[in-house]
Amino acid sequence: MKIKLLDDILKEKGKDGKSYYSQGRTYLFLAVISYYLTLGIIFIKSLKPDADIVLEPLNVIIEALQWSMLLMGSYVFGNKGIDAVKAIMGTKEKQTTTEQPTNNG
């Protein structure tokens, strides 16, 4: 069941109606896994009392992963967000055009 949900998240419908794996969603998924894996490694290393952690390279990796997740997320979900805004704005425009004030004197 959980694998099917992940499979549905990573797929999108093409123009022909079939579901295909989305390249952007797959990259976003890999970036999220890499991000949390890096944070997990830092956390595990920090539990050892004698560990000497050099944070500079790890901070660079974490910042790069955050930017890649932001860019891929905006790419993947950006079109859907624009469609949602258009749908919301379309309903507001329809409401304002149908609700015209009446002059009863």
C-alpha atoms as a PDB file:
ATOM      1  CA  MET A   1       0.000   0.000   0.000  1.00  0.00           C
ATOM      2  CA  LYS A   2       2.771   2.459   0.919  1.00  0.00           C
ATOM      3  CA  ILE A   3       4.734   1.663  -2.241  1.00  0.00           C
ATOM      4  CA  LYS A   4       1.626   2.293  -4.368  1.00  0.00           C
ATOM      5  CA  LEU A   5       1.177   5.700  -2.732  1.00  0.00           C
ATOM      6  CA  LEU A   6       4.797   6.616  -3.468  1.00  0.00           C
ATOM      7  CA  ASP A   7       4.348   5.335  -7.015  1.00  0.00           C
ATOM      8  CA  ASP A   8       1.277   7.555  -7.460  1.00  0.00           C
ATOM      9  CA  ILE A   9       3.123  10.586  -6.087  1.00  0.00           C
ATOM     10  CA  LEU A  10       6.044  10.133  -8.478  1.00  0.00           C
ATOM     11  CA  LYS A  11       3.823   9.705 -11.557  1.00  0.00           C
ATOM     12  CA  GLU A  12       1.897  12.248 -13.565  1.00  0.00           C
ATOM     13  CA  LYS A  13      -0.514  11.854 -16.450  1.00  0.00           C
ATOM     14  CA  GLY A  14       0.774  12.520 -19.915  1.00  0.00           C
ATOM     15  CA  LYS A  15      -1.120  14.034 -22.811  1.00  0.00           C
ATOM     16  CA  ASP A  16      -2.209  10.580 -23.917  1.00  0.00           C
ATOM     17  CA  GLY A  17      -3.817   9.861 -20.524  1.00  0.00           C
ATOM     18  CA  LYS A  18      -1.204   7.313 -19.405  1.00  0.00           C
ATOM     19  CA  SER A  19       0.783   7.733 -16.194  1.00  0.00           C
ATOM     20  CA  TYR A  20       4.527   8.279 -16.485  1.00  0.00           C
ATOM     21  CA  TYR A  21       7.229   8.860 -13.907  1.00  0.00           C
ATOM     22  CA  SER A  22       7.897  12.567 -13.594  1.00  0.00           C
ATOM     23  CA  GLN A  23      11.568  13.443 -13.863  1.00  0.00           C
ATOM     24  CA  GLY A  24      11.168  16.494 -11.618  1.00  0.00           C
ATOM     25  CA  ARG A  25       9.288  14.586  -8.927  1.00  0.00           C
ATOM     26  CA  THR A  26      11.869  11.797  -8.979  1.00  0.00           C
ATOM     27  CA  TYR A  27      14.729  14.285  -8.598  1.00  0.00           C
ATOM     28  CA  LEU A  28      12.857  16.050  -5.801  1.00  0.00           C
ATOM     29  CA  PHE A  29      12.317  12.729  -4.028  1.00  0.00           C
ATOM     30  CA  LEU A  30      16.032  11.886  -4.310  1.00  0.00           C
ATOM     31  CA  ALA A  31      16.997  15.358  -3.048  1.00  0.00           C
ATOM     32  CA  VAL A  32      14.737  14.977  -0.001  1.00  0.00           C
ATOM     33  CA  ILE A  33      16.202  11.540   0.776  1.00  0.00           C
ATOM     34  CA  SER A  34      19.749  12.898   0.397  1.00  0.00           C
ATOM     35  CA  TYR A  35      18.925  15.864   2.631  1.00  0.00           C
ATOM     36  CA  TYR A  36      17.586  13.765   5.477  1.00  0.00           C
ATOM     37  CA  LEU A  37      20.334  11.173   5.052  1.00  0.00           C
ATOM     38  CA  THR A  38      22.941  13.915   5.436  1.00  0.00           C
ATOM     39  CA  LEU A  39      21.188  15.274   8.521  1.00  0.00           C
ATOM     40  CA  GLY A  40      20.959  11.730   9.926  1.00  0.00           C
ATOM     41  CA  ILE A  41      24.688  11.188   9.464  1.00  0.00           C
ATOM     42  CA  ILE A  42      25.442  14.472  11.235  1.00  0.00           C
ATOM     43  CA  PHE A  43      23.101  13.525  14.078  1.00  0.00           C
ATOM     44  CA  ILE A  44      24.608  10.040  14.524  1.00  0.00           C
ATOM     45  CA  LYS A  45      28.162  11.418  14.467  1.00  0.00           C
ATOM     46  CA  SER A  46      27.236  14.088  17.008  1.00  0.00           C
ATOM     47  CA  LEU A  47      26.077  11.436  19.497  1.00  0.00           C
ATOM     48  CA  LYS A  48      29.630  10.195  19.935  1.00  0.00           C
ATOM     49  CA  PRO A  49      31.344  12.254  22.651  1.00  0.00           C
ATOM     50  CA  ASP A  50      34.778  12.145  21.036  1.00  0.00           C
ATOM     51  CA  ALA A  51      33.591  12.958  17.501  1.00  0.00           C
ATOM     52  CA  ASP A  52      35.184  15.884  15.764  1.00  0.00           C
ATOM     53  CA  ILE A  53      32.755  17.144  13.124  1.00  0.00           C
ATOM     54  CA  VAL A  54      33.877  19.620  10.494  1.00  0.00           C
ATOM     55  CA  LEU A  55      30.701  21.519   9.691  1.00  0.00           C
ATOM     56  CA  GLU A  56      31.851  23.652   6.757  1.00  0.00           C
ATOM     57  CA  PRO A  57      31.588  20.978   4.028  1.00  0.00           C
ATOM     58  CA  LEU A  58      28.399  19.631   5.556  1.00  0.00           C
ATOM     59  CA  ASN A  59      26.828  23.096   5.602  1.00  0.00           C
ATOM     60  CA  VAL A  60      27.644  23.487   1.913  1.00  0.00           C
ATOM     61  CA  ILE A  61      25.998  20.133   1.157  1.00  0.00           C
ATOM     62  CA  ILE A  62      22.924  20.964   3.222  1.00  0.00           C
ATOM     63  CA  GLU A  63      22.487  24.382   1.614  1.00  0.00           C
ATOM     64  CA  ALA A  64      22.897  22.895  -1.868  1.00  0.00           C
ATOM     65  CA  LEU A  65      20.290  20.253  -1.107  1.00  0.00           C
ATOM     66  CA  GLN A  66      17.894  22.878   0.272  1.00  0.00           C
ATOM     67  CA  TRP A  67      18.213  24.945  -2.892  1.00  0.00           C
ATOM     68  CA  SER A  68      17.780  21.916  -5.124  1.00  0.00           C
ATOM     69  CA  MET A  69      14.650  20.916  -3.206  1.00  0.00           C
ATOM     70  CA  LEU A  70      13.271  24.450  -3.496  1.00  0.00           C
ATOM     71  CA  LEU A  71      13.970  24.657  -7.213  1.00  0.00           C
ATOM     72  CA  MET A  72      12.639  21.204  -7.997  1.00  0.00           C
ATOM     73  CA  GLY A  73       9.608  21.733  -5.787  1.00  0.00           C
ATOM     74  CA  SER A  74       8.749  24.987  -7.509  1.00  0.00           C
ATOM     75  CA  TYR A  75       9.265  23.308 -10.895  1.00  0.00           C
ATOM     76  CA  VAL A  76       7.173  20.256 -10.044  1.00  0.00           C
ATOM     77  CA  PHE A  77       4.375  21.938  -8.154  1.00  0.00           C
ATOM     78  CA  GLY A  78       4.588  25.364  -9.783  1.00  0.00           C
ATOM     79  CA  ASN A  79       2.293  24.557 -12.675  1.00  0.00           C
ATOM     80  CA  LYS A  80      -0.280  23.044 -10.346  1.00  0.00           C
ATOM     81  CA  GLY A  81      -0.023  26.083  -8.094  1.00  0.00           C
ATOM     82  CA  ILE A  82      -0.624  28.398 -11.036  1.00  0.00           C
ATOM     83  CA  ASP A  83      -3.631  26.300 -12.079  1.00  0.00           C
ATOM     84  CA  ALA A  84      -5.010  26.483  -8.538  1.00  0.00           C
ATOM     85  CA  VAL A  85      -4.583  30.270  -8.432  1.00  0.00           C
ATOM     86  CA  LYS A  86      -6.274  30.581 -11.826  1.00  0.00           C
ATOM     87  CA  ALA A  87      -9.162  28.428 -10.617  1.00  0.00           C
ATOM     88  CA  ILE A  88      -9.551  30.504  -7.446  1.00  0.00           C
ATOM     89  CA  MET A  89      -9.285  33.786  -9.331  1.00  0.00           C
ATOM     90  CA  GLY A  90     -11.728  32.495 -11.945  1.00  0.00           C
ATOM     91  CA  THR A  91     -14.342  31.750  -9.302  1.00  0.00           C
ATOM     92  CA  LYS A  92     -13.828  35.180  -7.730  1.00  0.00           C
ATOM     93  CA  GLU A  93     -14.209  36.868 -11.119  1.00  0.00           C
ATOM     94  CA  LYS A  94     -17.385  34.908 -11.800  1.00  0.00           C
ATOM     95  CA  GLN A  95     -18.797  35.917  -8.413  1.00  0.00           C
ATOM     96  CA  THR A  96     -18.063  39.606  -8.956  1.00  0.00           C
ATOM     97  CA  THR A  97     -19.574  39.628 -12.447  1.00  0.00           C
ATOM     98  CA  THR A  98     -22.736  37.821 -11.364  1.00  0.00           C
ATOM     99  CA  GLU A  99     -23.206  39.913  -8.230  1.00  0.00           C
ATOM    100  CA  GLN A 100     -24.041  43.288  -9.720  1.00  0.00           C
ATOM    101  CA  PRO A 101     -25.560  45.909  -7.468  1.00  0.00           C
ATOM    102  CA  THR A 102     -29.216  46.642  -8.000  1.00  0.00           C
ATOM    103  CA  ASN A 103     -30.630  50.136  -7.915  1.00  0.00           C
ATOM    104  CA  ASN A 104     -34.004  50.055  -6.245  1.00  0.00           C
ATOM    105  CA  GLY A 105     -34.157  53.785  -5.766  1.00  0.00           C
END
